[in-house]
Amino acid sequence: MITGELKNQIDALWTIFWAGGLTNPLDVIEQMTYLMFIHDLDDADILRAKEASMLGLPRTSLFDGRVRAGGRTVDGASLKWSVFRDFPAEKMYETVQEDVFPFIKNLHGDRKSAYSRYMGDAIFKIPTPLLLDRIVTAMDDLYGRMARLGTADARGDVYEYLLSKIATAGVNGQFRTPRHIIRLMVELAEPKPSDSICDPACGTSGFLVAAGEWLKERHKAEIFFDRAGKEHYMNAMFHGYDMDRTMLRIGAMNMMVHGVENPSIEYRDSLSDQNPDRDLHSLILANPPFKGSLDADIVSTDLLRLCKTKKTELLFLALFLRMLKVGGRCACIVPDGVLFGSSKAHVAIRRELVERHRLQAVISMPSGVFKPYAGVSTAILLFTKTNHGGTDRVWFYDMLSDGFSLDDRRTPLAASDIPDIVRRFRDPSGEAARSRSDQSFFVPKDEIAANGYDLSVNKYKKVAYKAVAYPPTKEILGKLESLEADIQKELSSLKRLLHES
């Protein structure tokens, strides 16, 4: 989370843009994203050079020798942030506008790649050398402070806070899922090197990036030391769809900076007939929009057959089932209303998950997880598509703390249920013996069906009441009378003092 001096620095950077004439918030976000990408491209190049050196592997830098920038070739070293930031303002502006920006627009040779598609219409809008110089200096200070605080995902932190400045942020579901929640979902889903991973509402590609980083940590040899594995990871594993080109551009750059050369990041209305994906992916990770306008006429008819509704959160669950291949897994976030809503559509989608597929877990999260953007209570659903049932019991976990305070400030706390959730989900051997008054427990499928497929944890959790002994009523009344007498005595003393003065 962005707090304290970091927040002040970003506010100051935002003010620099506005004072320089860029008053459209999305323009500010886009231009900052380009500059962050340029900065991170330099950092990533240095990091990969160090990794190659440690592993004794040959490597060619993006910036080696003469490189193409638009229609001409220039010295690659001059395009590095760490180099041009020290140029005089006029030379820096000329270098960024005429060389660096054309270089990053054409960085990916494949014109059909996600990066090329969404950078093709990108425009460098910073109007003056002085403004660029001030922005570069402010961003250097910002990155320096983040490095000192150990904040790795600078791009995500900045974007998260910038969204809070836009009046529409959160209205159409465009708020960022907290990274520790994304990480939790990835750890529960345990991506495999052979997976085809999709987020049909990808935004800035946070879930895809986290899945890629998780695979790097645990399956490095299978991905990077195997020709077919690396080809799949770089070009066929990751799929993301969104209807906001700004988000897609940021998402494509985010994936590229994190080492995925050609993700399939596409402009697509996932709920419409634009989305032909069926029985295609083996893992879906998503936090689909909970609200916002929906044109019912363009919703795919096969989704409406399963779940006749205008509620996007229900339609996305139906979509996940359609897009997954048999045996495919899903970890997704839903608002609490999905778990207990009584409409035909609510019951139908829950019955579908429980009866025709394998619903594994419902993890209830506290209502402050998405603050300051929204206070809605949410849950994580984990299920596997089978088309033939398989749910015998469902694991419920009542998360009380995600490691942060549940107010708008979201201050880090020492206590967090997340490690316990991961440990118990991976080793459920002791869960059957747990009481319904514990934080986690199993509920048989038959009991869930008998309760109208209600999936809210409070439906099944037992509250342990503690007996409290109170004094007799006469004793309480006696104390009240004594307090009243003391009050009257003090009031009389106060009146005498006022009268005497």
Protein backbone atom coordinates (compact mmCIF):
# COMPACT_ATOMS: atom_id res chain seq x y z
CA MET A 1 0.00 0.00 0.00
CA ILE A 2 1.05 3.60 -0.66
CA THR A 3 1.37 5.51 2.60
CA GLY A 4 3.12 8.49 4.18
CA GLU A 5 5.97 10.06 2.26
CA LEU A 6 5.49 7.75 -0.74
CA LYS A 7 1.95 9.06 -1.11
CA ASN A 8 3.20 12.63 -0.86
CA GLN A 9 5.83 11.97 -3.54
CA ILE A 10 3.27 10.53 -5.93
CA ASP A 11 0.93 13.45 -5.24
CA ALA A 12 3.79 15.82 -6.04
CA LEU A 13 4.55 13.92 -9.25
CA TRP A 14 0.86 14.07 -10.23
CA THR A 15 0.93 17.82 -9.60
CA ILE A 16 3.97 18.18 -11.90
CA PHE A 17 2.00 16.55 -14.74
CA TRP A 18 -1.04 18.74 -14.13
CA ALA A 19 1.00 21.93 -13.86
CA GLY A 20 2.66 21.00 -17.16
CA GLY A 21 -0.67 20.81 -18.99
CA LEU A 22 -1.59 17.09 -18.76
CA THR A 23 -4.94 17.31 -16.97
CA ASN A 24 -6.64 14.10 -18.15
CA PRO A 25 -6.04 11.49 -15.40
CA LEU A 26 -5.77 8.62 -17.88
CA ASP A 27 -3.17 10.59 -19.88
CA VAL A 28 -1.17 11.04 -16.70
CA ILE A 29 -1.39 7.31 -15.92
CA GLU A 30 -0.39 6.34 -19.46
CA GLN A 31 2.60 8.66 -19.61
CA MET A 32 3.75 7.54 -16.16
CA THR A 33 3.35 3.93 -17.25
CA TYR A 34 5.56 4.47 -20.32
CA LEU A 35 8.25 6.10 -18.20
CA MET A 36 8.04 3.39 -15.54
CA PHE A 37 8.34 0.79 -18.30
CA ILE A 38 11.45 2.52 -19.65
CA HIS A 39 12.91 2.67 -16.13
CA ASP A 40 12.06 -0.97 -15.39
CA LEU A 41 13.37 -2.13 -18.76
CA ASP A 42 16.79 -0.81 -17.75
CA ASP A 43 16.54 -2.43 -14.29
CA ALA A 44 15.37 -5.74 -15.76
CA ASP A 45 18.20 -5.73 -18.28
CA ILE A 46 20.76 -5.24 -15.50
CA LEU A 47 19.15 -8.00 -13.39
CA ARG A 48 19.12 -10.49 -16.27
CA ALA A 49 22.74 -9.68 -17.05
CA LYS A 50 23.64 -10.53 -13.44
CA GLU A 51 21.62 -13.78 -13.57
CA ALA A 52 23.27 -14.82 -16.84
CA SER A 53 26.69 -14.08 -15.35
CA MET A 54 25.96 -16.14 -12.24
CA LEU A 55 24.69 -19.08 -14.33
CA GLY A 56 27.48 -18.77 -16.87
CA LEU A 57 25.01 -18.34 -19.73
CA PRO A 58 25.54 -16.16 -22.81
CA ARG A 59 23.24 -13.17 -23.11
CA THR A 60 22.78 -10.22 -25.44
CA SER A 61 21.42 -7.00 -23.93
CA LEU A 62 18.55 -5.10 -25.55
CA PHE A 63 20.82 -2.07 -25.51
CA ASP A 64 23.97 -3.60 -27.01
CA GLY A 65 25.53 -1.82 -29.96
CA ARG A 66 23.39 -0.03 -32.54
CA VAL A 67 19.63 -0.55 -32.22
CA ARG A 68 16.64 0.48 -34.33
CA ALA A 69 14.61 3.44 -33.09
CA GLY A 70 11.88 4.27 -35.57
CA GLY A 71 13.37 4.50 -39.04
CA ARG A 72 17.01 4.82 -37.99
CA THR A 73 19.69 3.20 -35.86
CA VAL A 74 21.15 4.76 -32.72
CA ASP A 75 23.55 3.87 -29.92
CA GLY A 76 21.61 1.48 -27.67
CA ALA A 77 23.37 2.59 -24.49
CA SER A 78 21.93 6.11 -24.85
CA LEU A 79 18.40 4.68 -24.54
CA LYS A 80 18.94 3.40 -21.00
CA TRP A 81 17.22 5.36 -18.23
CA SER A 82 20.40 5.31 -16.17
CA VAL A 83 22.18 7.10 -19.05
CA PHE A 84 19.75 9.63 -20.51
CA ARG A 85 18.55 10.84 -17.08
CA ASP A 86 21.91 12.64 -16.75
CA PHE A 87 21.55 14.45 -20.09
CA PRO A 88 20.71 18.19 -20.18
CA ALA A 89 16.95 18.78 -20.42
CA GLU A 90 16.92 19.56 -24.17
CA LYS A 91 19.06 16.53 -25.10
CA MET A 92 17.06 14.26 -22.76
CA TYR A 93 13.78 15.35 -24.34
CA GLU A 94 15.13 14.84 -27.85
CA THR A 95 16.50 11.40 -26.94
CA VAL A 96 13.29 10.20 -25.28
CA GLN A 97 10.95 11.60 -27.93
CA GLU A 98 12.93 10.67 -31.04
CA ASP A 99 14.80 7.55 -29.93
CA VAL A 100 13.59 5.92 -26.69
CA PHE A 101 9.87 6.10 -27.39
CA PRO A 102 10.11 4.74 -30.97
CA PHE A 103 12.45 2.05 -29.60
CA ILE A 104 9.98 0.78 -26.98
CA LYS A 105 7.05 1.02 -29.43
CA ASN A 106 8.83 -1.39 -31.76
CA LEU A 107 10.61 -3.40 -29.11
CA HIS A 108 8.82 -6.62 -29.98
CA GLY A 109 9.53 -7.76 -33.53
CA ASP A 110 6.31 -9.75 -33.85
CA ARG A 111 3.70 -7.27 -35.09
CA LYS A 112 0.93 -9.63 -33.93
CA SER A 113 2.18 -9.66 -30.33
CA ALA A 114 0.13 -8.11 -27.51
CA TYR A 115 2.86 -5.58 -26.86
CA SER A 116 3.00 -4.42 -30.48
CA ARG A 117 -0.78 -4.18 -30.78
CA TYR A 118 -1.22 -1.92 -27.78
CA MET A 119 1.92 0.15 -28.18
CA GLY A 120 1.11 0.82 -31.85
CA ASP A 121 -1.23 3.72 -31.00
CA ALA A 122 0.73 4.97 -27.97
CA ILE A 123 1.59 8.69 -28.07
CA PHE A 124 4.31 10.53 -26.17
CA LYS A 125 2.44 13.54 -24.77
CA ILE A 126 4.90 15.27 -22.43
CA PRO A 127 5.06 18.73 -24.05
CA THR A 128 8.33 20.34 -22.92
CA PRO A 129 11.94 19.40 -22.02
CA LEU A 130 11.65 21.13 -18.64
CA LEU A 131 8.56 19.10 -17.73
CA LEU A 132 10.23 15.82 -18.72
CA ASP A 133 13.32 16.73 -16.70
CA ARG A 134 11.22 17.45 -13.60
CA ILE A 135 9.27 14.19 -14.05
CA VAL A 136 12.41 12.07 -14.50
CA THR A 137 13.99 13.62 -11.39
CA ALA A 138 10.82 13.06 -9.33
CA MET A 139 10.54 9.44 -10.53
CA ASP A 140 14.17 8.76 -9.64
CA ASP A 141 13.44 10.01 -6.12
CA LEU A 142 10.29 7.86 -5.97
CA TYR A 143 12.09 4.70 -7.06
CA GLY A 144 14.92 5.45 -4.64
CA ARG A 145 12.53 5.65 -1.72
CA MET A 146 10.73 2.48 -2.77
CA ALA A 147 14.05 0.65 -2.99
CA ARG A 148 14.94 1.75 0.52
CA LEU A 149 11.59 0.53 1.82
CA GLY A 150 11.89 -2.78 -0.02
CA THR A 151 8.83 -2.20 -2.24
CA ALA A 152 9.46 -4.45 -5.23
CA ASP A 153 6.36 -3.90 -7.35
CA ALA A 154 6.76 -0.13 -7.79
CA ARG A 155 4.65 -0.07 -10.92
CA GLY A 156 1.74 -1.77 -9.18
CA ASP A 157 1.96 0.38 -6.06
CA VAL A 158 1.96 3.60 -8.06
CA TYR A 159 -0.87 2.46 -10.31
CA GLU A 160 -2.93 1.31 -7.33
CA TYR A 161 -2.73 4.75 -5.77
CA LEU A 162 -3.28 6.59 -9.05
CA LEU A 163 -6.54 4.72 -9.60
CA SER A 164 -7.84 6.08 -6.32
CA LYS A 165 -7.49 9.58 -7.81
CA ILE A 166 -9.86 8.86 -10.69
CA ALA A 167 -13.54 9.45 -10.02
CA THR A 168 -14.53 6.26 -11.88
CA ALA A 169 -12.05 4.01 -10.05
CA GLY A 170 -13.99 1.14 -8.51
CA VAL A 171 -17.26 2.06 -10.26
CA ASN A 172 -16.57 -0.36 -13.08
CA GLY A 173 -14.57 -2.76 -10.97
CA GLN A 174 -11.23 -1.23 -11.98
CA PHE A 175 -9.55 -1.43 -8.61
CA ARG A 176 -6.46 -3.48 -8.07
CA THR A 177 -6.56 -6.77 -6.20
CA PRO A 178 -4.10 -6.60 -3.27
CA ARG A 179 -0.90 -8.45 -4.13
CA HIS A 180 -0.96 -10.64 -1.02
CA ILE A 181 -4.47 -11.86 -1.95
CA ILE A 182 -3.31 -12.58 -5.51
CA ARG A 183 -0.34 -14.47 -4.10
CA LEU A 184 -2.63 -16.47 -1.79
CA MET A 185 -4.83 -17.52 -4.72
CA VAL A 186 -1.82 -18.50 -6.82
CA GLU A 187 -0.39 -20.58 -3.97
CA LEU A 188 -3.73 -22.36 -3.53
CA ALA A 189 -4.09 -23.01 -7.29
CA GLU A 190 -0.43 -24.13 -7.68
CA PRO A 191 0.14 -23.43 -11.40
CA LYS A 192 1.97 -26.09 -13.40
CA PRO A 193 4.50 -25.56 -16.22
CA SER A 194 2.06 -27.19 -18.65
CA ASP A 195 -0.91 -24.96 -17.71
CA SER A 196 -2.75 -22.58 -19.99
CA ILE A 197 -3.53 -19.73 -17.56
CA CYS A 198 -6.26 -17.17 -18.21
CA ASP A 199 -7.71 -14.08 -16.55
CA PRO A 200 -10.80 -12.95 -18.49
CA ALA A 201 -10.83 -9.57 -16.67
CA CYS A 202 -7.09 -9.07 -16.49
CA GLY A 203 -6.69 -5.30 -15.94
CA THR A 204 -2.98 -4.76 -15.34
CA SER A 205 -2.26 -8.54 -15.51
CA GLY A 206 -1.61 -8.86 -11.78
CA PHE A 207 -2.76 -12.50 -11.58
CA LEU A 208 -0.80 -13.51 -14.68
CA VAL A 209 2.37 -11.82 -13.42
CA ALA A 210 2.03 -13.52 -10.01
CA ALA A 211 1.48 -16.92 -11.62
CA GLY A 212 4.54 -16.41 -13.80
CA GLU A 213 6.70 -15.42 -10.84
CA TRP A 214 5.44 -18.42 -8.82
CA LEU A 215 6.37 -20.77 -11.67
CA LYS A 216 9.83 -19.19 -11.93
CA GLU A 217 10.41 -19.84 -8.23
CA ARG A 218 9.28 -23.48 -8.21
CA HIS A 219 9.71 -24.82 -11.76
CA LYS A 220 12.69 -22.91 -13.09
CA ALA A 221 14.42 -25.91 -14.64
CA GLU A 222 11.26 -27.21 -16.34
CA ILE A 223 10.63 -23.80 -17.92
CA PHE A 224 14.00 -22.24 -18.68
CA PHE A 225 16.18 -25.31 -19.25
CA ASP A 226 13.69 -27.04 -21.53
CA ARG A 227 13.16 -25.72 -25.07
CA ALA A 228 9.47 -26.69 -25.29
CA GLY A 229 8.78 -25.51 -21.74
CA LYS A 230 10.31 -22.11 -22.39
CA GLU A 231 8.45 -21.74 -25.69
CA HIS A 232 5.16 -22.49 -23.94
CA TYR A 233 5.93 -20.09 -21.06
CA MET A 234 6.91 -17.22 -23.35
CA ASN A 235 4.23 -17.56 -26.03
CA ALA A 236 1.30 -19.80 -25.10
CA MET A 237 0.82 -20.03 -21.33
CA PHE A 238 -0.69 -16.63 -20.41
CA HIS A 239 -4.01 -15.22 -21.67
CA GLY A 240 -5.72 -12.04 -20.52
CA TYR A 241 -8.76 -10.12 -21.77
CA ASP A 242 -10.07 -6.66 -20.98
CA MET A 243 -12.14 -3.90 -22.59
CA ASP A 244 -9.92 -0.99 -21.55
CA ARG A 245 -7.02 -0.35 -23.94
CA THR A 246 -5.13 1.56 -21.27
CA MET A 247 -5.33 -1.46 -19.00
CA LEU A 248 -4.27 -3.75 -21.84
CA ARG A 249 -1.27 -1.58 -22.66
CA ILE A 250 -0.21 -1.51 -19.01
CA GLY A 251 -0.84 -5.25 -18.70
CA ALA A 252 1.22 -6.11 -21.78
CA MET A 253 4.12 -3.98 -20.57
CA ASN A 254 3.82 -5.45 -17.09
CA MET A 255 4.12 -9.00 -18.45
CA MET A 256 7.04 -8.09 -20.68
CA VAL A 257 8.99 -6.45 -17.85
CA HIS A 258 8.44 -9.64 -15.81
CA GLY A 259 10.07 -11.72 -18.54
CA VAL A 260 7.09 -13.04 -20.56
CA GLU A 261 7.90 -12.15 -24.15
CA ASN A 262 4.58 -12.68 -25.91
CA PRO A 263 1.51 -13.10 -23.67
CA SER A 264 -1.90 -13.24 -25.30
CA ILE A 265 -3.34 -9.98 -23.93
CA GLU A 266 -6.38 -9.08 -26.03
CA TYR A 267 -9.15 -6.52 -26.30
CA ARG A 268 -12.26 -8.57 -25.71
CA ASP A 269 -15.61 -8.43 -23.97
CA SER A 270 -15.30 -11.75 -22.20
CA LEU A 271 -19.05 -12.12 -21.59
CA SER A 272 -20.04 -11.55 -25.22
CA ASP A 273 -19.84 -13.66 -28.37
CA GLN A 274 -16.46 -11.94 -29.00
CA ASN A 275 -15.08 -14.57 -26.65
CA PRO A 276 -15.07 -17.98 -28.37
CA ASP A 277 -12.95 -19.74 -25.70
CA ARG A 278 -14.51 -23.04 -24.75
CA ASP A 279 -12.85 -26.01 -23.01
CA LEU A 280 -9.53 -24.28 -23.59
CA HIS A 281 -7.70 -23.34 -20.38
CA SER A 282 -6.43 -25.46 -17.49
CA LEU A 283 -6.30 -22.65 -14.90
CA ILE A 284 -8.30 -19.46 -14.42
CA LEU A 285 -7.26 -16.85 -11.86
CA ALA A 286 -9.58 -13.86 -11.69
CA ASN A 287 -11.24 -11.09 -9.75
CA PRO A 288 -14.02 -10.17 -12.19
CA PRO A 289 -15.96 -6.88 -11.90
CA PHE A 290 -18.75 -7.00 -9.33
CA LYS A 291 -20.70 -4.09 -10.73
CA GLY A 292 -20.93 -1.69 -13.63
CA SER A 293 -23.15 -1.40 -16.67
CA LEU A 294 -23.96 -4.53 -18.67
CA ASP A 295 -25.73 -4.68 -22.00
CA ALA A 296 -27.76 -7.87 -21.69
CA ASP A 297 -28.22 -8.02 -25.48
CA ILE A 298 -24.54 -8.73 -26.10
CA VAL A 299 -24.11 -11.40 -23.41
CA SER A 300 -23.34 -14.77 -24.94
CA THR A 301 -26.51 -16.88 -25.13
CA ASP A 302 -24.87 -20.04 -23.78
CA LEU A 303 -23.98 -18.15 -20.58
CA LEU A 304 -27.59 -17.00 -20.21
CA ARG A 305 -28.81 -20.57 -20.62
CA LEU A 306 -26.81 -21.56 -17.57
CA CYS A 307 -27.43 -18.41 -15.58
CA LYS A 308 -30.17 -16.02 -16.79
CA THR A 309 -29.19 -12.75 -15.13
CA LYS A 310 -27.63 -9.33 -15.67
CA LYS A 311 -25.30 -9.72 -12.70
CA THR A 312 -21.73 -9.82 -13.96
CA GLU A 313 -20.41 -11.77 -10.98
CA LEU A 314 -22.76 -14.69 -11.77
CA LEU A 315 -22.15 -14.55 -15.52
CA PHE A 316 -18.40 -14.66 -14.99
CA LEU A 317 -18.72 -17.86 -12.95
CA ALA A 318 -20.67 -19.40 -15.82
CA LEU A 319 -17.97 -18.12 -18.19
CA PHE A 320 -15.18 -19.72 -16.16
CA LEU A 321 -16.91 -23.09 -16.39
CA ARG A 322 -17.27 -22.70 -20.16
CA MET A 323 -13.66 -21.62 -20.73
CA LEU A 324 -12.04 -24.34 -18.60
CA LYS A 325 -11.17 -27.70 -20.07
CA VAL A 326 -12.27 -30.78 -18.11
CA GLY A 327 -9.91 -31.06 -15.16
CA GLY A 328 -9.19 -27.33 -15.25
CA ARG A 329 -9.04 -25.41 -11.97
CA CYS A 330 -10.30 -21.98 -10.99
CA ALA A 331 -9.51 -19.62 -8.12
CA CYS A 332 -11.69 -16.53 -8.26
CA ILE A 333 -13.04 -13.77 -6.04
CA VAL A 334 -16.79 -13.24 -5.69
CA PRO A 335 -18.87 -10.85 -3.58
CA ASP A 336 -20.62 -12.44 -0.63
CA GLY A 337 -24.00 -12.08 -2.32
CA VAL A 338 -23.03 -14.86 -4.72
CA LEU A 339 -22.75 -17.24 -1.76
CA PHE A 340 -26.23 -16.77 -0.31
CA GLY A 341 -28.37 -14.90 -2.88
CA SER A 342 -31.80 -16.45 -3.21
CA SER A 343 -32.65 -15.60 -6.84
CA LYS A 344 -32.98 -18.40 -9.39
CA ALA A 345 -29.71 -17.35 -11.03
CA HIS A 346 -27.80 -17.36 -7.73
CA VAL A 347 -29.06 -20.82 -6.76
CA ALA A 348 -28.53 -22.17 -10.30
CA ILE A 349 -24.85 -21.26 -10.49
CA ARG A 350 -24.16 -22.61 -6.99
CA ARG A 351 -26.01 -25.85 -7.79
CA GLU A 352 -23.94 -26.13 -10.99
CA LEU A 353 -20.68 -25.82 -9.05
CA VAL A 354 -21.70 -28.29 -6.34
CA GLU A 355 -23.55 -30.92 -8.39
CA ARG A 356 -21.87 -30.97 -11.81
CA HIS A 357 -18.32 -30.02 -10.82
CA ARG A 358 -16.02 -30.25 -7.81
CA LEU A 359 -16.26 -27.27 -5.46
CA GLN A 360 -13.28 -27.57 -3.14
CA ALA A 361 -13.17 -24.49 -0.93
CA VAL A 362 -14.92 -21.28 0.09
CA ILE A 363 -12.60 -18.82 1.85
CA SER A 364 -14.55 -15.93 3.37
CA MET A 365 -12.55 -12.68 3.53
CA PRO A 366 -13.21 -9.70 5.83
CA SER A 367 -14.94 -6.67 4.32
CA GLY A 368 -11.90 -4.38 4.54
CA VAL A 369 -9.68 -6.33 2.13
CA PHE A 370 -10.44 -4.02 -0.81
CA LYS A 371 -10.38 -0.75 1.09
CA PRO A 372 -9.99 2.12 0.37
CA TYR A 373 -11.71 1.34 -2.96
CA ALA A 374 -14.63 -0.73 -1.72
CA GLY A 375 -15.94 -2.13 1.55
CA VAL A 376 -17.76 -5.11 0.04
CA SER A 377 -17.37 -8.50 1.71
CA THR A 378 -15.85 -11.09 -0.61
CA ALA A 379 -14.81 -14.72 -0.77
CA ILE A 380 -12.42 -16.88 -2.75
CA LEU A 381 -13.92 -19.88 -4.55
CA LEU A 382 -11.75 -22.80 -5.62
CA PHE A 383 -13.25 -25.41 -7.93
CA THR A 384 -12.39 -27.92 -10.65
CA LYS A 385 -14.41 -28.45 -13.81
CA THR A 386 -15.45 -32.10 -14.17
CA ASN A 387 -18.89 -32.08 -15.88
CA HIS A 388 -19.62 -35.18 -13.77
CA GLY A 389 -19.73 -33.92 -10.19
CA GLY A 390 -17.14 -34.85 -7.61
CA THR A 391 -18.09 -32.60 -4.69
CA ASP A 392 -18.37 -34.74 -1.60
CA ARG A 393 -17.58 -32.03 0.94
CA VAL A 394 -16.59 -28.37 0.85
CA TRP A 395 -13.87 -26.78 2.96
CA PHE A 396 -14.83 -23.46 4.57
CA TYR A 397 -12.38 -21.00 6.10
CA ASP A 398 -13.40 -17.82 7.92
CA MET A 399 -10.48 -15.42 7.37
CA LEU A 400 -10.39 -12.86 10.18
CA SER A 401 -7.15 -11.09 9.26
CA ASP A 402 -5.27 -10.77 5.97
CA GLY A 403 -2.27 -9.17 7.67
CA PHE A 404 -3.49 -5.56 7.39
CA SER A 405 -5.89 -3.36 9.33
CA LEU A 406 -9.39 -3.32 7.85
CA ASP A 407 -9.75 0.45 7.70
CA ASP A 408 -8.88 2.77 4.80
CA ARG A 409 -5.25 3.04 5.93
CA ARG A 410 -4.59 -0.73 5.69
CA THR A 411 -1.71 -0.68 8.16
CA PRO A 412 0.41 -3.89 8.25
CA LEU A 413 -0.28 -6.18 11.22
CA ALA A 414 1.75 -8.99 12.78
CA ALA A 415 -1.17 -11.45 12.68
CA SER A 416 -2.38 -12.97 9.40
CA ASP A 417 -4.49 -16.02 8.60
CA ILE A 418 -2.97 -16.45 5.13
CA PRO A 419 -0.15 -18.88 6.08
CA ASP A 420 -2.67 -20.98 8.03
CA ILE A 421 -5.03 -21.06 5.02
CA VAL A 422 -2.30 -22.31 2.69
CA ARG A 423 -1.07 -24.91 5.18
CA ARG A 424 -4.53 -26.32 5.94
CA PHE A 425 -5.67 -26.33 2.29
CA ARG A 426 -2.58 -28.27 1.20
CA ASP A 427 -2.81 -30.74 4.09
CA PRO A 428 -6.50 -31.21 4.99
CA SER A 429 -5.91 -34.38 7.00
CA GLY A 430 -6.78 -32.73 10.32
CA GLU A 431 -9.74 -30.69 9.08
CA ALA A 432 -12.40 -33.39 9.39
CA ALA A 433 -11.96 -33.46 13.18
CA ARG A 434 -12.35 -29.71 13.58
CA SER A 435 -15.44 -28.23 15.19
CA ARG A 436 -17.87 -25.92 13.37
CA SER A 437 -16.86 -23.26 15.90
CA ASP A 438 -13.27 -23.28 14.53
CA GLN A 439 -12.07 -21.02 11.73
CA SER A 440 -12.05 -23.86 9.21
CA PHE A 441 -14.13 -27.02 8.78
CA PHE A 442 -15.69 -29.35 6.22
CA VAL A 443 -19.39 -29.37 5.31
CA PRO A 444 -20.87 -32.42 3.51
CA LYS A 445 -22.44 -31.84 0.08
CA ASP A 446 -25.82 -33.19 1.22
CA GLU A 447 -26.04 -30.57 3.96
CA ILE A 448 -25.19 -27.81 1.47
CA ALA A 449 -27.85 -29.05 -0.94
CA ALA A 450 -30.41 -29.20 1.87
CA ASN A 451 -29.69 -25.53 2.60
CA GLY A 452 -30.46 -24.35 -0.93
CA TYR A 453 -26.77 -24.56 -1.88
CA ASP A 454 -25.98 -21.72 0.49
CA LEU A 455 -22.19 -21.27 0.58
CA SER A 456 -21.87 -18.56 3.24
CA VAL A 457 -19.63 -19.62 6.10
CA ASN A 458 -22.02 -18.17 8.70
CA LYS A 459 -24.70 -20.62 7.57
CA TYR A 460 -22.66 -23.51 8.94
CA LYS A 461 -20.37 -21.99 11.53
CA LYS A 462 -21.40 -22.41 15.16
CA VAL A 463 -20.84 -19.49 17.50
CA ALA A 464 -19.44 -20.48 20.87
CA TYR A 465 -21.30 -18.53 23.53
CA LYS A 466 -19.63 -17.89 26.86
CA ALA A 467 -21.70 -17.65 30.02
CA VAL A 468 -21.35 -14.27 31.71
CA ALA A 469 -22.40 -13.80 35.35
CA TYR A 470 -24.00 -10.43 36.20
CA PRO A 471 -24.72 -9.03 39.70
CA PRO A 472 -28.33 -9.21 40.97
CA THR A 473 -30.67 -6.50 39.73
CA LYS A 474 -31.03 -4.98 43.21
CA GLU A 475 -27.27 -4.62 43.49
CA ILE A 476 -27.07 -2.87 40.09
CA LEU A 477 -29.90 -0.50 41.03
CA GLY A 478 -28.16 0.25 44.33
CA LYS A 479 -24.96 1.23 42.50
CA LEU A 480 -26.93 3.43 40.12
CA GLU A 481 -28.62 5.20 43.03
CA SER A 482 -25.23 5.74 44.69
CA LEU A 483 -23.79 7.19 41.47
CA GLU A 484 -26.83 9.44 41.10
CA ALA A 485 -26.39 10.72 44.67
CA ASP A 486 -22.70 11.49 44.00
CA ILE A 487 -23.63 13.38 40.82
CA GLN A 488 -26.26 15.46 42.65
CA LYS A 489 -23.78 16.24 45.41
CA GLU A 490 -21.16 17.47 42.92
CA LEU A 491 -23.77 19.53 41.04
CA SER A 492 -24.81 21.23 44.31
CA SER A 493 -21.15 22.09 45.04
CA LEU A 494 -20.74 23.53 41.55
CA LYS A 495 -23.88 25.68 41.91
CA ARG A 496 -22.62 27.10 45.23
CA LEU A 497 -19.29 28.01 43.64
CA LEU A 498 -21.03 29.77 40.75
CA HIS A 499 -23.35 31.62 43.14
CA GLU A 500 -20.46 32.77 45.32
CA SER A 501 -18.50 34.06 42.33
